[in-house]
Every structure is written in C-alpha cells, then in structure tokens.
Amino acid sequence: MSNLTGPLPLTVPNSPRQCKSSPRSSKRTHLADAFTVVGTDTFIGLCKHTIIYKPMKINVLFRFHSSCSMATYRYLSPEILSGFDRYKYSSIDTSPISKYITHPFWDKLVQLYPRWLAPNVLTLAGFSLLVVSFIVLTIIDPHFNAASPDQPGVPYWVWLLCSFNVFWSHTLDGTDGKQARRTGSSSPLGELFDHGLDSWATLFFPINMYSIYGRGEFGVEVYRVYFVMIGIMFCFILSHWEKYNTGILFLPWGYDLSQIGMALLFLVAYFGGHEMWRFKLPFADLYCAEGLEIIMHLGTILLTVPPTLWNIYVASRDGTGKKRTLWEAMRPLVGTLVLFGLMIIWAKYSSVEIIQQQPRLFYFLTGTLFSNIACRLIISQMSDTRCELLNWMLYPLAALVAVVLLTQPGFIEVAILWIFTIFTTVAHIHFGVSVVKEMCEHFNISAFTIKKKD
C-alpha cells in the first residue's frame, strides 16, 4: 500500500507526559494500558483516562491535557519523514537560457536580498503574483470573451500588470533556492514548497495568457485550450515522474523559455492591445492564436517527452536509477491520466456543455486536482517511498461524472461544479498547510522565518 493515500486517522498522544490525569489520585484508578491499533499507514492512540468510583455508580471521565485536546490529521507517515531525513537534492540544468541569461541575473539579484528574508517567502510571493493576475482577469474577462471584436476588451494596464507578475514570479521562483543556500536554510521543506506551488501554477500560466486571444473568430475555443493546459500539466508531471525513477530532476528547457515568452507577450499586448493579434500567419491559413496553440503542443512533444524518456532509459541501462519494474515505474502517471480522462469525458458529454458555461471554473478544478496529485508524487520521490496509485479525490470525481452523465441534470450541473470545486480547493489547501506544519515540526524549523543557529 502507498504511504500517502489520504489523511492519516487521528493520532492522540498516550504518554503520561502528554496527557496528565487529575492529581486527585486517591479517588481514581489509572488504566495503565493504552489501546492502540496499528495499520499499514495508520496509528491510533487512546489517551490514558481515569475512572472515578462512587458508591452504586461508576463515572468514566476522559480528561485530556491541553496539548492533546485537539487532535489533528497526519498526512506524512513516519516512513516518509524518515525518507526526508535521508534526502539529498540532485538536479541537472542544461538550458542555454538558464546558463547564460537567467542564472547570472539571479546570482547578482540574490545578493541584494537581506539575509533575514526566508526563501519560502520568495516562493509564496512569486506564486501570489500569478494568483493576482488570475483574479484580475477573472473579474474583467470571466468567460474569455473580452478579446472579441464586439467587446470593449481588457484594459491595457492589465497586460502590463500580467507581464510584471510573470517576470517577477519567475525571478522569485528562481532565486528562492539561491537564497536558501546563501543563508544556510536549505531543507526538504523548501523544495517541496517550491515545487508544490509550481504544480498549481501550471494552471494559471495558460489561463492568464488565454485572455489575450480569447475565444471566437480570432481566438481558440475553450475546449482546445483545455488540451493546451493539460499538456503543460503533463510536462510538469513528467519531470517529477522522471525524478521518481532516476533520482535526478532534469530541469526542462521549455520552462525558462516559456516564462520569458509570456512576459514579452503580455508586454507587447500592453503596447499594441489584443487587436494586434488579429491576423493570419503568412505561411499558413491560421490565425496567430492558432499558431501559438500549435507551438505550445510542439513544445510539449519535442522539448519534454523525448528527453524524459531518454533520461529514464539511460538510468535503467546504466543501473543508476531506482531499478523499479515497469509497472512500478509507470505507477505515478496513472492518477494524472485518470484525472484527465474523467475531466475530458465530463466536458465532452456534459448536458449543458459545462466547459463552455464555466471555462475558468472547469480549468481551476482540473488544476487543483492535478496539483494535489503532483504534490503527493513529489513527496514520494523526495522521501523515496512508493507513490500512490490513485488520489482519493478521484473517487468522488468519478462518482460525480457518472451521476452527471447518467442523469443529465441540466443547469444543476453548474452548481455541482461549483460545490465540488470549493470542496477540492479546501481539501487541497488543508493538505498543503498540514504538510508544511508537519515538516516544520519534524525538522524544527519555521516555514517563513529563518531561525538563528545556536
């Protein structure tokens, strides 16, 4: 069984030092043996309790010390935490853009950061900039219609904001690790926090850029953009699937290129407006938006898939990888493929064309579910534990899709989408916050401040 299939059951301390009974011991008899149940991934402990004996009446009182009055979910098993203790970061970056442009710039920039600035603050700030762009564009262009000729369009200042946010999000994401090494605060938590937020950011990149073209005559339909988005997500999961099997993170060439390209694209839209993209390419009967769509698909196919497969093959051939069986090696991809399959089926056979009615919400649900799957894979590859086969949230998703397809509920389907999106977002945030707290507790560190060394 996987070590990370969902929330571990409640863990209640049973140590006398953690749960002290009342000092009135003359009237009480302590139960010395705590009841425990131990499973593959679980541990349940009953705190010691006391029994008060009175004539003709027995009152059983469960008294918990304040330190154990609120039990919490534990997402990380002892095996995973032990794996984090042994973890060593290993990556290879051969991108010419990284070598000659971004890394030299970041090396100089990081020297300007104060040493008290925690690396995770940089990571969270960079991610927050993308969220700000997403919120602004959602308010102004909720259904991607603003770029149509009969619409007023997105205000120019929004494109400048988006360009600024993409540039600094990429920059902060690139300097957080350098700041960690500079301040001696590197930890597995930093890498997990960084890559975990990156997995959610794969949602915001294509969605924010889509508002430049939108749907309609000069744009691309939302269903086709959905495939662009899942292509980007698939590239991300491939990189961490590659590390799961090789032990090395091979940083993709397309990442820096795409970030710089998006920043420039937003900047051009600021100076020229989205109207300037309403033209056909001179070498093909395609509008500019359609050409960009093809380029993004080609980037997925050419810049990610072949290098990933080659690196895994070399690691297997040379015996430097994890030496897993074919099924075990493919295991991390199953959940992602099931997610994409279920969401495509829902979009295709919806009774109200749900992806047309609520494209942003449908995209957001997919991205949030994907991020939860990706985060759990990252935890498994960093702790060198077995990856889960199916994320627990895929089961209610499958049931929901089945109900929608069989009953054809009409516009109630939109309400179902809203409810399930809220549910998965809350569950994902709870997962992330809990994991960060558990790792901070395990490593005795703070997520957003740098502790002074003794």
Protein backbone atom coordinates (compact mmCIF):
# COMPACT_ATOMS: atom_id res chain seq x y z
CA MET A 1 0.00 0.00 0.00
CA SER A 2 1.02 3.57 -0.53
CA ASN A 3 2.23 5.62 2.38
CA LEU A 4 0.32 8.70 1.25
CA THR A 5 -3.22 7.80 0.26
CA GLY A 6 -5.06 10.47 2.23
CA PRO A 7 -5.31 11.92 5.71
CA LEU A 8 -3.97 9.59 8.36
CA PRO A 9 -6.50 8.88 11.10
CA LEU A 10 -6.49 10.96 14.23
CA THR A 11 -3.43 10.50 16.41
CA VAL A 12 -3.94 11.15 20.10
CA PRO A 13 -0.92 11.04 22.42
CA ASN A 14 -0.90 8.34 25.06
CA SER A 15 2.17 9.34 27.02
CA PRO A 16 1.72 10.30 30.67
CA ARG A 17 3.85 13.35 29.94
CA GLN A 18 1.42 14.43 27.22
CA CYS A 19 -1.93 13.68 28.88
CA LYS A 20 -1.81 14.08 32.60
CA SER A 21 -4.69 12.98 34.79
CA SER A 22 -6.04 14.94 37.69
CA PRO A 23 -3.93 14.97 40.86
CA ARG A 24 -6.85 13.59 42.82
CA SER A 25 -5.43 10.12 42.52
CA SER A 26 -6.96 8.87 45.77
CA LYS A 27 -10.33 8.62 44.08
CA ARG A 28 -9.07 7.38 40.73
CA THR A 29 -7.54 4.31 39.24
CA HIS A 30 -5.48 4.89 36.11
CA LEU A 31 -5.73 2.49 33.21
CA ALA A 32 -2.11 1.63 32.56
CA ASP A 33 -2.51 0.14 29.14
CA ALA A 34 -3.48 2.41 26.30
CA PHE A 35 -5.46 0.90 23.49
CA THR A 36 -3.72 1.13 20.15
CA VAL A 37 -4.45 -0.04 16.66
CA VAL A 38 -1.62 -0.09 14.16
CA GLY A 39 -2.20 -0.42 10.42
CA THR A 40 -0.03 -0.04 7.32
CA ASP A 41 -0.24 3.71 7.27
CA THR A 42 -2.11 4.45 10.45
CA PHE A 43 -1.67 4.82 14.14
CA ILE A 44 -4.48 5.43 16.53
CA GLY A 45 -3.77 6.02 20.21
CA LEU A 46 -6.16 6.37 23.08
CA CYS A 47 -5.01 8.81 25.71
CA LYS A 48 -4.89 7.38 29.23
CA HIS A 49 -8.08 8.03 31.03
CA THR A 50 -9.28 7.78 34.61
CA ILE A 51 -12.21 6.10 36.21
CA ILE A 52 -13.90 7.60 39.26
CA TYR A 53 -15.56 5.09 41.55
CA LYS A 54 -18.52 6.17 43.68
CA PRO A 55 -20.97 4.07 45.70
CA MET A 56 -23.54 2.40 43.42
CA LYS A 57 -22.28 4.46 40.47
CA ILE A 58 -19.34 4.47 38.11
CA ASN A 59 -18.45 7.60 36.13
CA VAL A 60 -15.94 7.31 33.37
CA LEU A 61 -14.19 10.58 32.62
CA PHE A 62 -11.89 11.18 29.68
CA ARG A 63 -9.64 14.06 30.58
CA PHE A 64 -7.21 15.39 28.06
CA HIS A 65 -4.36 17.77 28.68
CA SER A 66 -4.50 20.98 26.63
CA SER A 67 -1.64 19.72 24.47
CA CYS A 68 -3.79 16.89 23.15
CA SER A 69 -7.25 18.39 23.33
CA MET A 70 -7.34 18.96 19.59
CA ALA A 71 -6.16 16.00 17.55
CA THR A 72 -5.00 16.68 14.02
CA TYR A 73 -4.69 14.78 10.78
CA ARG A 74 -1.26 13.46 9.94
CA TYR A 75 -0.56 13.26 6.22
CA LEU A 76 3.08 12.20 6.50
CA SER A 77 3.83 8.75 7.85
CA PRO A 78 6.99 8.01 9.90
CA GLU A 79 8.42 6.25 6.84
CA ILE A 80 8.00 9.40 4.73
CA LEU A 81 9.54 11.63 7.39
CA SER A 82 12.44 9.22 7.69
CA GLY A 83 12.89 9.38 3.93
CA PHE A 84 13.03 13.17 4.09
CA ASP A 85 15.83 12.86 6.64
CA ARG A 86 17.92 10.98 4.06
CA TYR A 87 17.01 13.21 1.11
CA LYS A 88 19.67 14.96 -0.95
CA TYR A 89 18.71 17.36 -3.73
CA SER A 90 20.07 16.46 -7.17
CA SER A 91 19.28 18.30 -10.40
CA ILE A 92 20.73 18.95 -13.85
CA ASP A 93 20.02 22.11 -15.83
CA THR A 94 21.46 22.21 -19.35
CA SER A 95 19.29 25.01 -20.74
CA PRO A 96 21.34 27.68 -22.54
CA ILE A 97 18.86 30.31 -21.36
CA SER A 98 19.42 29.27 -17.75
CA LYS A 99 23.19 29.13 -18.14
CA TYR A 100 23.77 32.42 -19.94
CA ILE A 101 20.77 34.61 -19.02
CA THR A 102 18.63 33.74 -16.02
CA HIS A 103 21.14 32.25 -13.57
CA PRO A 104 23.74 35.05 -13.98
CA PHE A 105 20.98 37.61 -13.39
CA TRP A 106 19.62 35.72 -10.36
CA ASP A 107 23.10 35.30 -8.87
CA LYS A 108 23.51 39.08 -8.80
CA LEU A 109 19.97 39.80 -7.67
CA VAL A 110 20.08 37.43 -4.70
CA GLN A 111 22.99 39.41 -3.25
CA LEU A 112 20.57 42.30 -2.74
CA TYR A 113 18.20 40.27 -0.56
CA PRO A 114 18.51 40.75 3.21
CA ARG A 115 19.79 37.63 4.95
CA TRP A 116 16.80 37.50 7.27
CA LEU A 117 14.46 37.01 4.29
CA ALA A 118 13.25 33.40 4.31
CA PRO A 119 13.34 31.59 0.94
CA ASN A 120 9.75 30.37 1.29
CA VAL A 121 8.60 33.98 1.48
CA LEU A 122 10.05 34.48 -2.00
CA THR A 123 8.34 31.32 -3.24
CA LEU A 124 4.95 32.30 -1.85
CA ALA A 125 5.28 35.87 -3.12
CA GLY A 126 6.04 34.67 -6.64
CA PHE A 127 3.05 32.34 -6.64
CA SER A 128 0.80 35.08 -5.24
CA LEU A 129 1.64 37.35 -8.18
CA LEU A 130 0.18 34.76 -10.57
CA VAL A 131 -2.93 34.48 -8.42
CA VAL A 132 -3.35 38.27 -8.53
CA SER A 133 -3.24 38.21 -12.34
CA PHE A 134 -5.77 35.38 -12.39
CA ILE A 135 -8.18 37.22 -10.09
CA VAL A 136 -7.96 40.49 -12.03
CA LEU A 137 -8.56 38.74 -15.37
CA THR A 138 -11.39 36.67 -13.89
CA ILE A 139 -13.16 39.86 -12.82
CA ILE A 140 -12.63 41.63 -16.14
CA ASP A 141 -12.89 38.67 -18.52
CA PRO A 142 -14.68 35.79 -16.74
CA HIS A 143 -15.60 33.81 -19.86
CA PHE A 144 -12.75 34.77 -22.23
CA ASN A 145 -14.97 36.94 -24.44
CA ALA A 146 -13.22 40.30 -23.91
CA ALA A 147 -10.95 39.87 -26.94
CA SER A 148 -13.92 39.54 -29.32
CA PRO A 149 -14.39 42.45 -31.77
CA ASP A 150 -17.78 43.39 -30.26
CA GLN A 151 -16.39 43.62 -26.71
CA PRO A 152 -14.59 46.56 -25.06
CA GLY A 153 -11.56 44.40 -24.32
CA VAL A 154 -9.24 44.08 -21.38
CA PRO A 155 -7.74 47.42 -20.22
CA TYR A 156 -4.14 47.84 -21.36
CA TRP A 157 -2.82 48.28 -17.82
CA VAL A 158 -3.85 44.71 -17.05
CA TRP A 159 -1.36 43.38 -19.60
CA LEU A 160 1.42 45.43 -18.03
CA LEU A 161 0.45 44.01 -14.64
CA CYS A 162 0.50 40.48 -16.03
CA SER A 163 3.90 41.00 -17.65
CA PHE A 164 5.30 42.37 -14.40
CA ASN A 165 3.82 39.49 -12.40
CA VAL A 166 5.09 36.76 -14.72
CA PHE A 167 8.59 38.23 -14.77
CA TRP A 168 8.86 38.60 -11.00
CA SER A 169 7.13 35.30 -10.31
CA HIS A 170 9.74 33.56 -12.45
CA THR A 171 12.53 35.58 -10.84
CA LEU A 172 11.43 34.91 -7.26
CA ASP A 173 10.95 31.23 -8.08
CA GLY A 174 14.49 31.14 -9.45
CA THR A 175 16.13 32.92 -6.54
CA ASP A 176 14.44 31.18 -3.60
CA GLY A 177 16.85 28.24 -3.74
CA LYS A 178 19.86 30.55 -4.07
CA GLN A 179 18.67 32.49 -1.04
CA ALA A 180 18.30 29.23 0.90
CA ARG A 181 21.88 28.20 0.15
CA ARG A 182 23.13 31.74 0.85
CA THR A 183 21.51 31.81 4.30
CA GLY A 184 22.18 28.16 5.14
CA SER A 185 18.45 27.48 5.45
CA SER A 186 18.08 24.79 2.76
CA SER A 187 15.71 21.98 3.69
CA PRO A 188 13.43 19.40 2.04
CA LEU A 189 10.53 21.64 3.01
CA GLY A 190 11.84 24.41 0.77
CA GLU A 191 11.97 22.17 -2.28
CA LEU A 192 8.57 20.66 -1.58
CA PHE A 193 7.03 24.09 -1.00
CA ASP A 194 8.58 25.40 -4.22
CA HIS A 195 7.59 22.53 -6.48
CA GLY A 196 4.21 22.12 -4.82
CA LEU A 197 3.23 25.69 -5.67
CA ASP A 198 4.75 25.26 -9.14
CA SER A 199 2.34 22.38 -9.74
CA TRP A 200 -0.60 24.69 -9.03
CA ALA A 201 0.95 27.48 -11.12
CA THR A 202 0.70 25.28 -14.24
CA LEU A 203 -2.98 26.20 -14.14
CA PHE A 204 -2.51 29.97 -14.11
CA PHE A 205 0.05 30.32 -16.91
CA PRO A 206 -2.15 29.24 -19.86
CA ILE A 207 -5.36 30.67 -18.42
CA ASN A 208 -3.92 34.14 -17.92
CA MET A 209 -2.43 34.14 -21.39
CA TYR A 210 -5.69 32.93 -22.96
CA SER A 211 -7.39 36.28 -22.30
CA ILE A 212 -5.09 37.91 -24.87
CA TYR A 213 -6.79 35.93 -27.66
CA GLY A 214 -9.97 34.65 -26.10
CA ARG A 215 -12.49 32.59 -27.97
CA GLY A 216 -14.29 33.48 -31.16
CA GLU A 217 -13.24 34.25 -34.71
CA PHE A 218 -9.67 35.33 -33.93
CA GLY A 219 -9.14 33.13 -30.91
CA VAL A 220 -9.29 29.47 -29.90
CA GLU A 221 -12.20 27.59 -28.41
CA VAL A 222 -12.11 26.81 -24.70
CA TYR A 223 -12.14 23.05 -25.27
CA ARG A 224 -8.96 23.25 -27.36
CA VAL A 225 -7.27 25.49 -24.81
CA TYR A 226 -8.10 22.86 -22.22
CA PHE A 227 -5.84 20.45 -24.06
CA VAL A 228 -3.08 23.04 -24.08
CA MET A 229 -3.45 23.36 -20.31
CA ILE A 230 -3.34 19.62 -19.63
CA GLY A 231 -0.34 19.40 -21.96
CA ILE A 232 1.53 21.86 -19.73
CA MET A 233 0.48 19.90 -16.66
CA PHE A 234 1.62 16.67 -18.27
CA CYS A 235 5.05 18.21 -18.89
CA PHE A 236 5.27 19.05 -15.19
CA ILE A 237 4.29 15.60 -14.01
CA LEU A 238 6.72 14.02 -16.48
CA SER A 239 9.64 15.89 -14.90
CA HIS A 240 8.80 14.56 -11.46
CA TRP A 241 7.98 11.09 -12.80
CA GLU A 242 11.46 11.22 -14.31
CA LYS A 243 12.97 12.08 -10.93
CA TYR A 244 10.90 9.37 -9.24
CA ASN A 245 12.65 6.83 -11.45
CA THR A 246 16.12 8.36 -11.83
CA GLY A 247 16.64 10.25 -8.56
CA ILE A 248 17.63 13.35 -10.54
CA LEU A 249 15.50 16.33 -11.51
CA PHE A 250 16.32 17.23 -15.12
CA LEU A 251 15.07 20.79 -15.45
CA PRO A 252 13.19 21.19 -18.76
CA TRP A 253 14.42 23.64 -21.36
CA GLY A 254 10.92 24.85 -22.07
CA TYR A 255 10.32 26.37 -18.63
CA ASP A 256 12.60 29.43 -18.82
CA LEU A 257 11.75 29.90 -22.48
CA SER A 258 8.01 29.88 -21.79
CA GLN A 259 8.28 32.29 -18.83
CA ILE A 260 10.30 34.84 -20.78
CA GLY A 261 8.00 34.40 -23.78
CA MET A 262 4.86 35.03 -21.71
CA ALA A 263 6.31 38.13 -20.08
CA LEU A 264 7.16 39.52 -23.53
CA LEU A 265 3.76 38.55 -24.93
CA PHE A 266 1.93 40.43 -22.18
CA LEU A 267 4.26 43.40 -22.66
CA VAL A 268 3.55 43.54 -26.40
CA ALA A 269 -0.19 43.36 -25.66
CA TYR A 270 0.22 46.34 -23.34
CA PHE A 271 1.76 48.48 -26.10
CA GLY A 272 -0.32 47.20 -29.01
CA GLY A 273 -3.51 45.82 -27.46
CA HIS A 274 -5.04 42.46 -28.20
CA GLU A 275 -6.28 43.79 -31.55
CA MET A 276 -2.78 43.50 -32.99
CA TRP A 277 -3.00 39.69 -32.77
CA ARG A 278 -5.98 39.51 -35.12
CA PHE A 279 -4.10 38.43 -38.22
CA LYS A 280 -3.34 35.27 -40.14
CA LEU A 281 0.13 33.84 -40.31
CA PRO A 282 1.78 34.46 -43.70
CA PHE A 283 2.93 30.86 -44.13
CA ALA A 284 -0.32 29.11 -43.16
CA ASP A 285 -4.06 29.64 -43.12
CA LEU A 286 -4.05 30.08 -39.37
CA TYR A 287 -4.73 32.96 -37.03
CA CYS A 288 -1.98 33.98 -34.65
CA ALA A 289 -3.74 32.33 -31.69
CA GLU A 290 -3.95 29.03 -33.55
CA GLY A 291 -0.26 29.23 -34.42
CA LEU A 292 0.60 29.75 -30.75
CA GLU A 293 -1.58 26.77 -29.86
CA ILE A 294 0.41 24.56 -32.23
CA ILE A 295 3.73 25.88 -30.91
CA MET A 296 2.72 25.02 -27.33
CA HIS A 297 1.75 21.50 -28.32
CA LEU A 298 5.02 21.05 -30.21
CA GLY A 299 6.92 22.32 -27.18
CA THR A 300 5.26 19.64 -25.07
CA ILE A 301 6.03 16.90 -27.56
CA LEU A 302 9.57 17.88 -28.56
CA LEU A 303 11.08 19.63 -25.53
CA THR A 304 9.75 17.39 -22.77
CA VAL A 305 8.70 13.89 -23.77
CA PRO A 306 11.81 12.71 -25.73
CA PRO A 307 14.39 13.96 -23.16
CA THR A 308 12.39 12.47 -20.30
CA LEU A 309 12.11 9.05 -21.89
CA TRP A 310 15.80 9.12 -22.84
CA ASN A 311 16.94 10.02 -19.33
CA ILE A 312 14.87 7.22 -17.82
CA TYR A 313 16.21 4.77 -20.40
CA VAL A 314 19.84 5.77 -19.67
CA ALA A 315 19.30 5.44 -15.92
CA SER A 316 17.82 1.98 -16.43
CA ARG A 317 20.56 0.93 -18.87
CA ASP A 318 23.40 2.11 -16.65
CA GLY A 319 21.84 0.91 -13.41
CA THR A 320 21.87 4.39 -11.87
CA GLY A 321 18.10 4.71 -11.45
CA LYS A 322 15.69 3.25 -8.91
CA LYS A 323 15.54 -0.14 -10.70
CA ARG A 324 11.78 -0.43 -10.49
CA THR A 325 9.66 -2.84 -12.50
CA LEU A 326 7.79 -1.43 -15.49
CA TRP A 327 4.51 -1.27 -13.56
CA GLU A 328 6.09 0.38 -10.54
CA ALA A 329 7.89 2.86 -12.78
CA MET A 330 4.63 3.80 -14.54
CA ARG A 331 2.59 3.95 -11.33
CA PRO A 332 2.92 7.75 -10.75
CA LEU A 333 1.30 8.54 -14.11
CA VAL A 334 -1.90 6.57 -13.52
CA GLY A 335 -3.65 9.13 -11.30
CA THR A 336 -2.90 12.02 -13.66
CA LEU A 337 -4.14 10.12 -16.71
CA VAL A 338 -7.32 9.08 -14.88
CA LEU A 339 -7.91 12.72 -13.87
CA PHE A 340 -7.51 14.00 -17.41
CA GLY A 341 -9.69 11.19 -18.77
CA LEU A 342 -12.54 11.87 -16.34
CA MET A 343 -12.48 15.62 -16.92
CA ILE A 344 -12.40 15.25 -20.71
CA ILE A 345 -15.36 12.86 -20.56
CA TRP A 346 -17.26 15.32 -18.39
CA ALA A 347 -16.52 18.21 -20.76
CA LYS A 348 -17.40 16.16 -23.83
CA TYR A 349 -20.68 14.66 -22.66
CA SER A 350 -21.97 17.37 -20.31
CA SER A 351 -25.69 18.07 -20.56
CA VAL A 352 -25.07 21.84 -20.58
CA GLU A 353 -21.63 21.99 -22.23
CA ILE A 354 -20.16 22.75 -18.82
CA ILE A 355 -16.75 23.81 -20.12
CA GLN A 356 -18.46 26.41 -22.33
CA GLN A 357 -20.64 27.68 -19.48
CA GLN A 358 -17.90 27.89 -16.84
CA PRO A 359 -14.50 27.57 -18.53
CA ARG A 360 -12.45 29.21 -15.76
CA LEU A 361 -14.08 27.13 -13.06
CA PHE A 362 -13.60 23.93 -15.03
CA TYR A 363 -9.94 24.79 -15.63
CA PHE A 364 -9.47 25.68 -11.96
CA LEU A 365 -10.94 22.38 -10.76
CA THR A 366 -8.64 20.43 -13.06
CA GLY A 367 -5.59 22.40 -11.96
CA THR A 368 -6.36 21.99 -8.26
CA LEU A 369 -6.88 18.24 -8.52
CA PHE A 370 -3.72 17.95 -10.60
CA SER A 371 -1.70 19.92 -8.05
CA ASN A 372 -2.80 17.59 -5.25
CA ILE A 373 -1.75 14.55 -7.28
CA ALA A 374 1.57 16.18 -8.22
CA CYS A 375 2.33 17.21 -4.63
CA ARG A 376 1.88 13.65 -3.42
CA LEU A 377 4.19 12.39 -6.18
CA ILE A 378 6.80 14.97 -5.17
CA ILE A 379 6.57 13.79 -1.57
CA SER A 380 7.03 10.19 -2.68
CA GLN A 381 10.04 10.86 -4.90
CA MET A 382 11.73 13.06 -2.28
CA SER A 383 11.17 10.54 0.53
CA ASP A 384 11.90 7.55 -1.73
CA THR A 385 8.61 5.88 -0.85
CA ARG A 386 6.08 4.17 -3.06
CA CYS A 387 3.81 6.55 -4.93
CA GLU A 388 0.07 6.19 -4.53
CA LEU A 389 -1.84 4.73 -7.47
CA LEU A 390 -4.99 6.87 -7.31
CA ASN A 391 -5.56 10.07 -5.40
CA TRP A 392 -8.52 9.77 -3.02
CA MET A 393 -10.26 12.77 -4.62
CA LEU A 394 -10.53 10.88 -7.91
CA TYR A 395 -13.17 8.60 -6.39
CA PRO A 396 -15.75 11.33 -5.68
CA LEU A 397 -14.86 12.87 -9.04
CA ALA A 398 -15.59 9.59 -10.82
CA ALA A 399 -18.88 9.24 -8.96
CA LEU A 400 -19.82 12.82 -9.80
CA VAL A 401 -19.04 12.39 -13.51
CA ALA A 402 -21.04 9.15 -13.59
CA VAL A 403 -24.05 10.81 -11.95
CA VAL A 404 -23.88 13.80 -14.29
CA LEU A 405 -23.68 11.63 -17.40
CA LEU A 406 -26.42 9.22 -16.33
CA THR A 407 -28.91 11.76 -15.01
CA GLN A 408 -28.22 14.73 -17.33
CA PRO A 409 -29.17 17.23 -14.58
CA GLY A 410 -29.15 20.32 -16.77
CA PHE A 411 -28.13 23.60 -15.16
CA ILE A 412 -27.89 21.93 -11.77
CA GLU A 413 -24.62 20.64 -13.19
CA VAL A 414 -23.15 24.13 -12.84
CA ALA A 415 -23.98 24.13 -9.12
CA ILE A 416 -22.40 20.69 -8.80
CA LEU A 417 -19.23 22.03 -10.43
CA TRP A 418 -19.11 24.96 -8.01
CA ILE A 419 -19.63 22.78 -4.94
CA PHE A 420 -17.05 20.20 -5.94
CA THR A 421 -14.50 22.89 -6.86
CA ILE A 422 -14.89 24.54 -3.45
CA PHE A 423 -14.59 21.15 -1.76
CA THR A 424 -11.40 20.18 -3.60
CA THR A 425 -9.83 23.62 -3.09
CA VAL A 426 -10.42 23.49 0.67
CA ALA A 427 -9.13 19.91 0.82
CA HIS A 428 -6.01 20.82 -1.17
CA ILE A 429 -5.22 23.87 0.96
CA HIS A 430 -5.74 21.82 4.12
CA PHE A 431 -3.36 19.20 2.76
CA GLY A 432 -0.70 21.79 1.91
CA VAL A 433 -0.90 23.68 5.19
CA SER A 434 -0.87 20.45 7.21
CA VAL A 435 2.13 19.03 5.38
CA VAL A 436 4.09 22.26 5.88
CA LYS A 437 3.27 22.22 9.60
CA GLU A 438 4.26 18.56 9.95
CA MET A 439 7.59 19.13 8.22
CA CYS A 440 8.31 22.26 10.27
CA GLU A 441 7.65 20.25 13.40
CA HIS A 442 9.82 17.36 12.22
CA PHE A 443 12.80 19.49 11.20
CA ASN A 444 12.30 22.05 13.98
CA ILE A 445 12.21 24.95 11.55
CA SER A 446 9.88 27.79 10.67
CA ALA A 447 8.35 27.99 7.20
CA PHE A 448 8.58 31.76 6.78
CA THR A 449 11.36 32.88 9.10
CA ILE A 450 15.00 31.87 9.46
CA LYS A 451 15.83 30.64 12.93
CA LYS A 452 19.09 31.79 14.38
CA LYS A 453 21.54 28.95 14.85
CA ASP A 454 22.72 28.23 18.39
